[in-house]
Protein backbone atom coordinates (compact mmCIF):
# COMPACT_ATOMS: atom_id res chain seq x y z
CA MET A 1 4.15 -9.51 -6.23
CA ARG A 2 3.58 -7.11 -9.08
CA PHE A 3 2.19 -3.74 -8.10
CA VAL A 4 0.96 -0.69 -9.99
CA PHE A 5 0.38 2.78 -8.67
CA LYS A 6 -3.14 4.09 -9.28
CA ASN A 7 -2.02 7.70 -9.57
CA ARG A 8 1.00 9.68 -10.64
CA LYS A 9 1.41 11.25 -7.19
CA LEU A 10 2.32 7.91 -5.62
CA THR A 11 4.49 6.91 -8.57
CA LEU A 12 6.54 10.08 -8.15
CA LEU A 13 6.74 9.61 -4.40
CA TYR A 14 8.06 6.07 -4.90
CA THR A 15 10.51 6.84 -7.71
CA ASP A 16 11.73 10.35 -6.85
CA ARG A 17 10.35 11.13 -3.37
CA VAL A 18 8.38 14.01 -4.92
CA ASP A 19 6.06 15.63 -2.32
CA ALA A 20 7.46 13.47 0.47
CA HIS A 21 7.31 16.59 2.66
CA LYS A 22 3.49 16.30 2.64
CA TYR A 23 3.68 13.32 4.98
CA PRO A 24 5.42 12.81 8.32
CA ALA A 25 8.94 11.39 7.93
CA GLU A 26 8.00 8.17 9.75
CA VAL A 27 5.16 7.61 7.27
CA ILE A 28 7.52 7.94 4.32
CA ASP A 29 9.98 5.52 5.91
CA ALA A 30 7.17 3.05 6.59
CA PHE A 31 5.85 3.48 3.03
CA PHE A 32 9.18 2.39 1.55
CA LYS A 33 9.45 -0.55 3.98
CA VAL A 34 5.95 -1.74 3.12
CA MET A 35 6.62 -1.30 -0.60
CA ALA A 36 9.72 -3.52 -0.22
CA LEU A 37 7.57 -6.18 1.46
CA ILE A 38 4.99 -5.93 -1.35
CA ARG A 39 7.71 -6.17 -3.99
CA ASN A 40 9.08 -9.36 -2.37
CA ALA A 41 5.71 -10.98 -1.61
CA GLN A 42 4.41 -13.85 -3.73
CA ASP A 43 0.81 -12.89 -2.98
CA GLU A 44 -1.35 -11.29 -0.30
CA ARG A 45 -0.85 -14.27 2.04
CA ASP A 46 2.75 -13.14 2.49
CA LEU A 47 1.49 -9.70 3.48
CA ARG A 48 -1.00 -11.18 5.96
CA ALA A 49 1.89 -13.07 7.58
CA PHE A 50 3.33 -9.75 8.74
CA HIS A 51 0.88 -9.14 11.57
CA SER A 52 2.30 -5.67 12.19
CA LEU A 53 0.95 -4.57 8.79
CA ASN A 54 -2.59 -5.31 9.99
CA TYR A 55 -3.58 -6.23 6.41
CA GLU A 56 -7.35 -5.96 6.42
CA THR A 57 -10.33 -5.57 4.13
CA LEU A 58 -12.14 -2.26 4.34
CA LYS A 59 -15.88 -2.10 4.90
CA GLY A 60 -18.92 -0.58 3.22
CA ASN A 61 -18.47 0.98 -0.20
CA ARG A 62 -14.72 0.29 0.08
CA SER A 63 -15.06 -3.46 0.65
CA HIS A 64 -13.06 -4.06 -2.56
CA GLN A 65 -10.04 -2.37 -0.98
CA ASN A 66 -7.57 -3.35 1.72
CA SER A 67 -5.31 -1.39 4.01
CA LEU A 68 -1.78 -1.92 5.30
CA ARG A 69 -0.67 -0.14 8.44
CA LEU A 70 2.14 2.39 8.04
CA ASN A 71 1.86 3.55 11.66
CA LYS A 72 -0.92 4.01 14.22
CA GLN A 73 -2.51 6.77 12.17
CA TRP A 74 -1.61 6.25 8.49
CA ARG A 75 -2.59 3.44 6.09
CA LEU A 76 -1.58 2.38 2.60
CA ILE A 77 -4.77 1.63 0.65
CA VAL A 78 -4.54 -1.13 -1.96
CA GLU A 79 -6.79 -3.17 -4.27
CA ARG A 80 -6.19 -6.68 -5.53
CA ALA A 81 -6.79 -7.31 -9.23
CA LEU A 82 -6.07 -9.72 -12.05
CA ASP A 83 -4.19 -8.39 -15.06
CA ASP A 84 -3.62 -10.78 -17.96
CA HIS A 85 -4.18 -13.73 -15.57
CA GLU A 86 -1.58 -12.38 -13.15
CA ARG A 87 -2.28 -11.02 -9.68
CA VAL A 88 -1.58 -7.33 -9.32
CA LEU A 89 -1.78 -5.09 -6.30
CA TRP A 90 -2.97 -1.59 -7.13
CA ILE A 91 -1.49 0.97 -4.75
CA ILE A 92 -4.33 3.48 -4.31
CA ASP A 93 -3.33 6.05 -1.71
CA ILE A 94 -1.74 6.90 1.60
CA GLU A 95 -4.48 7.98 3.99
CA ASP A 96 -4.75 9.47 7.43
CA TYR A 97 -7.06 6.90 8.94
CA HIS A 98 -8.07 8.81 12.08
């Protein structure tokens, strides 16, 4: 599945581990594992198949976004989109969900 980072902060974290110290080590490890799953997924159905990711749609004014569990506390926020007739997953942010 093709993915695009919504902001430079996440791009730098993914490519160079810049600012990785701002998150707990287990969150960074989980981020890279989840990104590998996203990279290898055909579409969001593959992500839903990993029940441990708890892939779910957010509610309210964020109902256009989804979250993937990094651990009990942290989530990777994503949005699905079409780009030139191709599905793309926008990687929005890593958030402390509690």
